[in-house]
Amino acid sequence: MLALRLPSEIEERLEALAKATGRTKSFYAREAILEHLDDLEDIYLAEKTLEQVRRGEMTTHSLDDVERDLGLAD
């Protein structure tokens, strides 16, 4: 269960969309969350990884080095 407050203009748009399509506001809220959840997770993971790299807790490898190590370099 999730409850959230939306600005009135968003609430009105959501209500209008729901009425126009015969769907519920919850349906569209769920769709919006699912549409963007992957992106939010990716951003969080990237930021966390960047911090680890900056603190020296994780190393990086260039594409050129990886290709050379795997025998894929030109």
PDB file of N, CA and C in Angstrom:
ATOM      1  N   MET A   1       0.841  -1.173   0.000  1.00  0.00           N
ATOM      2  CA  MET A   1       0.000   0.000   0.000  1.00  0.00           C
ATOM      3  C   MET A   1       0.885   1.234   0.000  1.00  0.00           C
ATOM      4  N   LEU A   2       0.506   2.208  -0.794  1.00  0.00           N
ATOM      5  CA  LEU A   2       1.264   3.440  -0.909  1.00  0.00           C
ATOM      6  C   LEU A   2       0.281   4.595  -0.982  1.00  0.00           C
ATOM      7  N   ALA A   3       0.505   5.602  -0.209  1.00  0.00           N
ATOM      8  CA  ALA A   3      -0.309   6.815  -0.272  1.00  0.00           C
ATOM      9  C   ALA A   3       0.615   7.980  -0.555  1.00  0.00           C
ATOM     10  N   LEU A   4       0.196   8.871  -1.448  1.00  0.00           N
ATOM     11  CA  LEU A   4       1.022  10.023  -1.745  1.00  0.00           C
ATOM     12  C   LEU A   4       0.140  11.216  -2.081  1.00  0.00           C
ATOM     13  N   ARG A   5       0.676  12.379  -1.821  1.00  0.00           N
ATOM     14  CA  ARG A   5      -0.019  13.616  -2.143  1.00  0.00           C
ATOM     15  C   ARG A   5       0.590  14.172  -3.425  1.00  0.00           C
ATOM     16  N   LEU A   6      -0.294  14.604  -4.309  1.00  0.00           N
ATOM     17  CA  LEU A   6       0.142  15.187  -5.568  1.00  0.00           C
ATOM     18  C   LEU A   6      -0.294  16.642  -5.632  1.00  0.00           C
ATOM     19  N   PRO A   7       0.458  17.464  -6.339  1.00  0.00           N
ATOM     20  CA  PRO A   7      -0.006  18.831  -6.569  1.00  0.00           C
ATOM     21  C   PRO A   7      -1.365  18.795  -7.276  1.00  0.00           C
ATOM     22  N   SER A   8      -2.184  19.775  -7.018  1.00  0.00           N
ATOM     23  CA  SER A   8      -3.553  19.762  -7.544  1.00  0.00           C
ATOM     24  C   SER A   8      -3.593  19.650  -9.064  1.00  0.00           C
ATOM     25  N   GLU A   9      -2.676  20.306  -9.775  1.00  0.00           N
ATOM     26  CA  GLU A   9      -2.710  20.231 -11.240  1.00  0.00           C
ATOM     27  C   GLU A   9      -2.409  18.821 -11.738  1.00  0.00           C
ATOM     28  N   ILE A  10      -1.539  18.101 -11.054  1.00  0.00           N
ATOM     29  CA  ILE A  10      -1.238  16.714 -11.427  1.00  0.00           C
ATOM     30  C   ILE A  10      -2.439  15.831 -11.103  1.00  0.00           C
ATOM     31  N   GLU A  11      -3.021  16.047  -9.952  1.00  0.00           N
ATOM     32  CA  GLU A  11      -4.207  15.286  -9.553  1.00  0.00           C
ATOM     33  C   GLU A  11      -5.336  15.482 -10.561  1.00  0.00           C
ATOM     34  N   GLU A  12      -5.535  16.708 -11.006  1.00  0.00           N
ATOM     35  CA  GLU A  12      -6.587  17.001 -11.984  1.00  0.00           C
ATOM     36  C   GLU A  12      -6.309  16.319 -13.316  1.00  0.00           C
ATOM     37  N   ARG A  13      -5.068  16.353 -13.754  1.00  0.00           N
ATOM     38  CA  ARG A  13      -4.707  15.682 -15.013  1.00  0.00           C
ATOM     39  C   ARG A  13      -4.917  14.178 -14.903  1.00  0.00           C
ATOM     40  N   LEU A  14      -4.509  13.626 -13.787  1.00  0.00           N
ATOM     41  CA  LEU A  14      -4.660  12.195 -13.559  1.00  0.00           C
ATOM     42  C   LEU A  14      -6.136  11.810 -13.526  1.00  0.00           C
ATOM     43  N   GLU A  15      -6.937  12.604 -12.848  1.00  0.00           N
ATOM     44  CA  GLU A  15      -8.383  12.365 -12.777  1.00  0.00           C
ATOM     45  C   GLU A  15      -9.015  12.431 -14.163  1.00  0.00           C
ATOM     46  N   ALA A  16      -8.639  13.434 -14.945  1.00  0.00           N
ATOM     47  CA  ALA A  16      -9.184  13.577 -16.297  1.00  0.00           C
ATOM     48  C   ALA A  16      -8.799  12.389 -17.178  1.00  0.00           C
ATOM     49  N   LEU A  17      -7.568  11.959 -17.075  1.00  0.00           N
ATOM     50  CA  LEU A  17      -7.112  10.814 -17.863  1.00  0.00           C
ATOM     51  C   LEU A  17      -7.875   9.555 -17.471  1.00  0.00           C
ATOM     52  N   ALA A  18      -8.033   9.357 -16.183  1.00  0.00           N
ATOM     53  CA  ALA A  18      -8.753   8.180 -15.700  1.00  0.00           C
ATOM     54  C   ALA A  18     -10.201   8.184 -16.192  1.00  0.00           C
ATOM     55  N   LYS A  19     -10.857   9.320 -16.116  1.00  0.00           N
ATOM     56  CA  LYS A  19     -12.251   9.408 -16.582  1.00  0.00           C
ATOM     57  C   LYS A  19     -12.359   9.194 -18.081  1.00  0.00           C
ATOM     58  N   ALA A  20     -11.406   9.764 -18.824  1.00  0.00           N
ATOM     59  CA  ALA A  20     -11.445   9.670 -20.284  1.00  0.00           C
ATOM     60  C   ALA A  20     -11.209   8.255 -20.783  1.00  0.00           C
ATOM     61  N   THR A  21     -10.487   7.468 -20.015  1.00  0.00           N
ATOM     62  CA  THR A  21     -10.101   6.135 -20.488  1.00  0.00           C
ATOM     63  C   THR A  21     -10.803   4.997 -19.762  1.00  0.00           C
ATOM     64  N   GLY A  22     -11.502   5.318 -18.681  1.00  0.00           N
ATOM     65  CA  GLY A  22     -12.165   4.263 -17.916  1.00  0.00           C
ATOM     66  C   GLY A  22     -11.218   3.464 -17.037  1.00  0.00           C
ATOM     67  N   ARG A  23     -10.039   3.958 -16.864  1.00  0.00           N
ATOM     68  CA  ARG A  23      -9.067   3.323 -15.963  1.00  0.00           C
ATOM     69  C   ARG A  23      -9.075   4.066 -14.633  1.00  0.00           C
ATOM     70  N   THR A  24      -8.399   3.498 -13.644  1.00  0.00           N
ATOM     71  CA  THR A  24      -8.313   4.169 -12.351  1.00  0.00           C
ATOM     72  C   THR A  24      -7.070   5.048 -12.272  1.00  0.00           C
ATOM     73  N   LYS A  25      -7.112   6.005 -11.355  1.00  0.00           N
ATOM     74  CA  LYS A  25      -5.927   6.823 -11.114  1.00  0.00           C
ATOM     75  C   LYS A  25      -4.789   5.941 -10.628  1.00  0.00           C
ATOM     76  N   SER A  26      -5.110   4.937  -9.838  1.00  0.00           N
ATOM     77  CA  SER A  26      -4.080   4.016  -9.336  1.00  0.00           C
ATOM     78  C   SER A  26      -3.388   3.290 -10.481  1.00  0.00           C
ATOM     79  N   PHE A  27      -4.154   2.922 -11.499  1.00  0.00           N
ATOM     80  CA  PHE A  27      -3.567   2.246 -12.659  1.00  0.00           C
ATOM     81  C   PHE A  27      -2.481   3.124 -13.278  1.00  0.00           C
ATOM     82  N   TYR A  28      -2.814   4.400 -13.507  1.00  0.00           N
ATOM     83  CA  TYR A  28      -1.839   5.287 -14.152  1.00  0.00           C
ATOM     84  C   TYR A  28      -0.675   5.643 -13.235  1.00  0.00           C
ATOM     85  N   ALA A  29      -0.923   5.771 -11.952  1.00  0.00           N
ATOM     86  CA  ALA A  29       0.181   6.016 -11.022  1.00  0.00           C
ATOM     87  C   ALA A  29       1.138   4.831 -11.020  1.00  0.00           C
ATOM     88  N   ARG A  30       0.579   3.623 -11.012  1.00  0.00           N
ATOM     89  CA  ARG A  30       1.408   2.411 -11.039  1.00  0.00           C
ATOM     90  C   ARG A  30       2.204   2.343 -12.338  1.00  0.00           C
ATOM     91  N   GLU A  31       1.554   2.655 -13.463  1.00  0.00           N
ATOM     92  CA  GLU A  31       2.245   2.637 -14.754  1.00  0.00           C
ATOM     93  C   GLU A  31       3.406   3.635 -14.778  1.00  0.00           C
ATOM     94  N   ALA A  32       3.181   4.820 -14.240  1.00  0.00           N
ATOM     95  CA  ALA A  32       4.235   5.837 -14.221  1.00  0.00           C
ATOM     96  C   ALA A  32       5.416   5.387 -13.371  1.00  0.00           C
ATOM     97  N   ILE A  33       5.127   4.800 -12.227  1.00  0.00           N
ATOM     98  CA  ILE A  33       6.197   4.317 -11.352  1.00  0.00           C
ATOM     99  C   ILE A  33       6.979   3.203 -12.031  1.00  0.00           C
ATOM    100  N   LEU A  34       6.286   2.251 -12.593  1.00  0.00           N
ATOM    101  CA  LEU A  34       6.970   1.135 -13.253  1.00  0.00           C
ATOM    102  C   LEU A  34       7.800   1.609 -14.436  1.00  0.00           C
ATOM    103  N   GLU A  35       7.296   2.604 -15.163  1.00  0.00           N
ATOM    104  CA  GLU A  35       8.010   3.135 -16.323  1.00  0.00           C
ATOM    105  C   GLU A  35       9.357   3.734 -15.929  1.00  0.00           C
ATOM    106  N   HIS A  36       9.433   4.334 -14.748  1.00  0.00           N
ATOM    107  CA  HIS A  36      10.646   5.053 -14.358  1.00  0.00           C
ATOM    108  C   HIS A  36      11.470   4.364 -13.282  1.00  0.00           C
ATOM    109  N   LEU A  37      10.977   3.303 -12.710  1.00  0.00           N
ATOM    110  CA  LEU A  37      11.692   2.640 -11.623  1.00  0.00           C
ATOM    111  C   LEU A  37      13.049   2.091 -12.073  1.00  0.00           C
ATOM    112  N   ASP A  38      13.102   1.477 -13.244  1.00  0.00           N
ATOM    113  CA  ASP A  38      14.377   0.961 -13.754  1.00  0.00           C
ATOM    114  C   ASP A  38      15.413   2.081 -13.873  1.00  0.00           C
ATOM    115  N   ASP A  39      14.982   3.228 -14.409  1.00  0.00           N
ATOM    116  CA  ASP A  39      15.905   4.359 -14.554  1.00  0.00           C
ATOM    117  C   ASP A  39      16.393   4.846 -13.199  1.00  0.00           C
ATOM    118  N   LEU A  40      15.489   4.944 -12.235  1.00  0.00           N
ATOM    119  CA  LEU A  40      15.881   5.399 -10.895  1.00  0.00           C
ATOM    120  C   LEU A  40      16.863   4.430 -10.245  1.00  0.00           C
ATOM    121  N   GLU A  41      16.624   3.136 -10.420  1.00  0.00           N
ATOM    122  CA  GLU A  41      17.548   2.132  -9.873  1.00  0.00           C
ATOM    123  C   GLU A  41      18.915   2.240 -10.538  1.00  0.00           C
ATOM    124  N   ASP A  42      18.926   2.433 -11.864  1.00  0.00           N
ATOM    125  CA  ASP A  42      20.189   2.569 -12.589  1.00  0.00           C
ATOM    126  C   ASP A  42      20.969   3.793 -12.121  1.00  0.00           C
ATOM    127  N   ILE A  43      20.272   4.901 -11.924  1.00  0.00           N
ATOM    128  CA  ILE A  43      20.918   6.128 -11.466  1.00  0.00           C
ATOM    129  C   ILE A  43      21.520   5.910 -10.081  1.00  0.00           C
ATOM    130  N   TYR A  44      20.763   5.314  -9.170  1.00  0.00           N
ATOM    131  CA  TYR A  44      21.256   5.065  -7.822  1.00  0.00           C
ATOM    132  C   TYR A  44      22.498   4.178  -7.855  1.00  0.00           C
ATOM    133  N   LEU A  45      22.454   3.100  -8.630  1.00  0.00           N
ATOM    134  CA  LEU A  45      23.594   2.192  -8.721  1.00  0.00           C
ATOM    135  C   LEU A  45      24.804   2.901  -9.316  1.00  0.00           C
ATOM    136  N   ALA A  46      24.590   3.711 -10.356  1.00  0.00           N
ATOM    137  CA  ALA A  46      25.702   4.431 -10.975  1.00  0.00           C
ATOM    138  C   ALA A  46      26.325   5.416  -9.996  1.00  0.00           C
ATOM    139  N   GLU A  47      25.497   6.137  -9.242  1.00  0.00           N
ATOM    140  CA  GLU A  47      26.030   7.095  -8.264  1.00  0.00           C
ATOM    141  C   GLU A  47      26.804   6.377  -7.164  1.00  0.00           C
ATOM    142  N   LYS A  48      26.284   5.253  -6.705  1.00  0.00           N
ATOM    143  CA  LYS A  48      26.956   4.474  -5.669  1.00  0.00           C
ATOM    144  C   LYS A  48      28.302   3.954  -6.179  1.00  0.00           C
ATOM    145  N   THR A  49      28.322   3.449  -7.396  1.00  0.00           N
ATOM    146  CA  THR A  49      29.548   2.931  -7.989  1.00  0.00           C
ATOM    147  C   THR A  49      30.570   4.046  -8.180  1.00  0.00           C
ATOM    148  N   LEU A  50      30.114   5.214  -8.647  1.00  0.00           N
ATOM    149  CA  LEU A  50      31.017   6.344  -8.829  1.00  0.00           C
ATOM    150  C   LEU A  50      31.667   6.740  -7.515  1.00  0.00           C
ATOM    151  N   GLU A  51      30.901   6.755  -6.442  1.00  0.00           N
ATOM    152  CA  GLU A  51      31.468   7.078  -5.128  1.00  0.00           C
ATOM    153  C   GLU A  51      32.525   6.054  -4.719  1.00  0.00           C
ATOM    154  N   GLN A  52      32.274   4.772  -4.995  1.00  0.00           N
ATOM    155  CA  GLN A  52      33.258   3.735  -4.668  1.00  0.00           C
ATOM    156  C   GLN A  52      34.536   3.924  -5.467  1.00  0.00           C
ATOM    157  N   VAL A  53      34.407   4.286  -6.728  1.00  0.00           N
ATOM    158  CA  VAL A  53      35.578   4.533  -7.569  1.00  0.00           C
ATOM    159  C   VAL A  53      36.350   5.730  -7.029  1.00  0.00           C
ATOM    160  N   ARG A  54      35.640   6.786  -6.690  1.00  0.00           N
ATOM    161  CA  ARG A  54      36.299   7.994  -6.174  1.00  0.00           C
ATOM    162  C   ARG A  54      37.021   7.749  -4.857  1.00  0.00           C
ATOM    163  N   ARG A  55      36.488   6.846  -4.034  1.00  0.00           N
ATOM    164  CA  ARG A  55      37.141   6.523  -2.752  1.00  0.00           C
ATOM    165  C   ARG A  55      38.239   5.486  -2.929  1.00  0.00           C
ATOM    166  N   GLY A  56      38.445   4.997  -4.137  1.00  0.00           N
ATOM    167  CA  GLY A  56      39.481   4.002  -4.393  1.00  0.00           C
ATOM    168  C   GLY A  56      39.083   2.595  -3.993  1.00  0.00           C
ATOM    169  N   GLU A  57      37.800   2.376  -3.773  1.00  0.00           N
ATOM    170  CA  GLU A  57      37.317   1.049  -3.366  1.00  0.00           C
ATOM    171  C   GLU A  57      37.034   0.142  -4.568  1.00  0.00           C
ATOM    172  N   MET A  58      37.064   0.718  -5.752  1.00  0.00           N
ATOM    173  CA  MET A  58      36.768  -0.046  -6.958  1.00  0.00           C
ATOM    174  C   MET A  58      37.670   0.480  -8.068  1.00  0.00           C
ATOM    175  N   THR A  59      38.156  -0.402  -8.883  1.00  0.00           N
ATOM    176  CA  THR A  59      39.007   0.023  -9.992  1.00  0.00           C
ATOM    177  C   THR A  59      38.214  -0.018 -11.286  1.00  0.00           C
ATOM    178  N   THR A  60      38.702   0.728 -12.258  1.00  0.00           N
ATOM    179  CA  THR A  60      38.071   0.743 -13.581  1.00  0.00           C
ATOM    180  C   THR A  60      39.097   0.278 -14.606  1.00  0.00           C
ATOM    181  N   HIS A  61      38.584  -0.107 -15.768  1.00  0.00           N
ATOM    182  CA  HIS A  61      39.435  -0.572 -16.863  1.00  0.00           C
ATOM    183  C   HIS A  61      38.931   0.052 -18.149  1.00  0.00           C
ATOM    184  N   SER A  62      39.831   0.546 -18.944  1.00  0.00           N
ATOM    185  CA  SER A  62      39.426   1.149 -20.210  1.00  0.00           C
ATOM    186  C   SER A  62      39.019   0.055 -21.188  1.00  0.00           C
ATOM    187  N   LEU A  63      38.204   0.434 -22.151  1.00  0.00           N
ATOM    188  CA  LEU A  63      37.795  -0.513 -23.188  1.00  0.00           C
ATOM    189  C   LEU A  63      39.023  -1.024 -23.949  1.00  0.00           C
ATOM    190  N   ASP A  64      39.978  -0.146 -24.221  1.00  0.00           N
ATOM    191  CA  ASP A  64      41.196  -0.561 -24.931  1.00  0.00           C
ATOM    192  C   ASP A  64      41.941  -1.650 -24.155  1.00  0.00           C
ATOM    193  N   ASP A  65      42.047  -1.474 -22.827  1.00  0.00           N
ATOM    194  CA  ASP A  65      42.740  -2.469 -22.006  1.00  0.00           C
ATOM    195  C   ASP A  65      41.994  -3.801 -22.005  1.00  0.00           C
ATOM    196  N   VAL A  66      40.698  -3.755 -21.903  1.00  0.00           N
ATOM    197  CA  VAL A  66      39.897  -4.988 -21.882  1.00  0.00           C
ATOM    198  C   VAL A  66      40.015  -5.706 -23.220  1.00  0.00           C
ATOM    199  N   GLU A  67      39.905  -4.965 -24.321  1.00  0.00           N
ATOM    200  CA  GLU A  67      40.031  -5.581 -25.649  1.00  0.00           C
ATOM    201  C   GLU A  67      41.416  -6.200 -25.821  1.00  0.00           C
ATOM    202  N   ARG A  68      42.460  -5.496 -25.387  1.00  0.00           N
ATOM    203  CA  ARG A  68      43.819  -6.022 -25.493  1.00  0.00           C
ATOM    204  C   ARG A  68      43.970  -7.291 -24.655  1.00  0.00           C
ATOM    205  N   ASP A  69      43.479  -7.272 -23.423  1.00  0.00           N
ATOM    206  CA  ASP A  69      43.590  -8.427 -22.532  1.00  0.00           C
ATOM    207  C   ASP A  69      42.830  -9.643 -23.074  1.00  0.00           C
ATOM    208  N   LEU A  70      41.742  -9.382 -23.784  1.00  0.00           N
ATOM    209  CA  LEU A  70      40.944 -10.495 -24.347  1.00  0.00           C
ATOM    210  C   LEU A  70      41.366 -10.874 -25.761  1.00  0.00           C
ATOM    211  N   GLY A  71      42.404 -10.220 -26.268  1.00  0.00           N
ATOM    212  CA  GLY A  71      42.886 -10.524 -27.615  1.00  0.00           C
ATOM    213  C   GLY A  71      41.967  -9.998 -28.695  1.00  0.00           C
ATOM    214  N   LEU A  72      41.224  -8.956 -28.408  1.00  0.00           N
ATOM    215  CA  LEU A  72      40.286  -8.396 -29.386  1.00  0.00           C
ATOM    216  C   LEU A  72      40.786  -7.106 -30.008  1.00  0.00           C
ATOM    217  N   ALA A  73      41.954  -6.641 -29.585  1.00  0.00           N
ATOM    218  CA  ALA A  73      42.492  -5.386 -30.108  1.00  0.00           C
ATOM    219  C   ALA A  73      42.871  -5.548 -31.570  1.00  0.00           C
ATOM    220  N   ASP A  74      42.780  -4.432 -32.291  1.00  0.00           N
ATOM    221  CA  ASP A  74      43.134  -4.456 -33.739  1.00  0.00           C
ATOM    222  C   ASP A  74      44.585  -4.683 -33.960  1.00  0.00           C
TER     223      ASP A  74
END
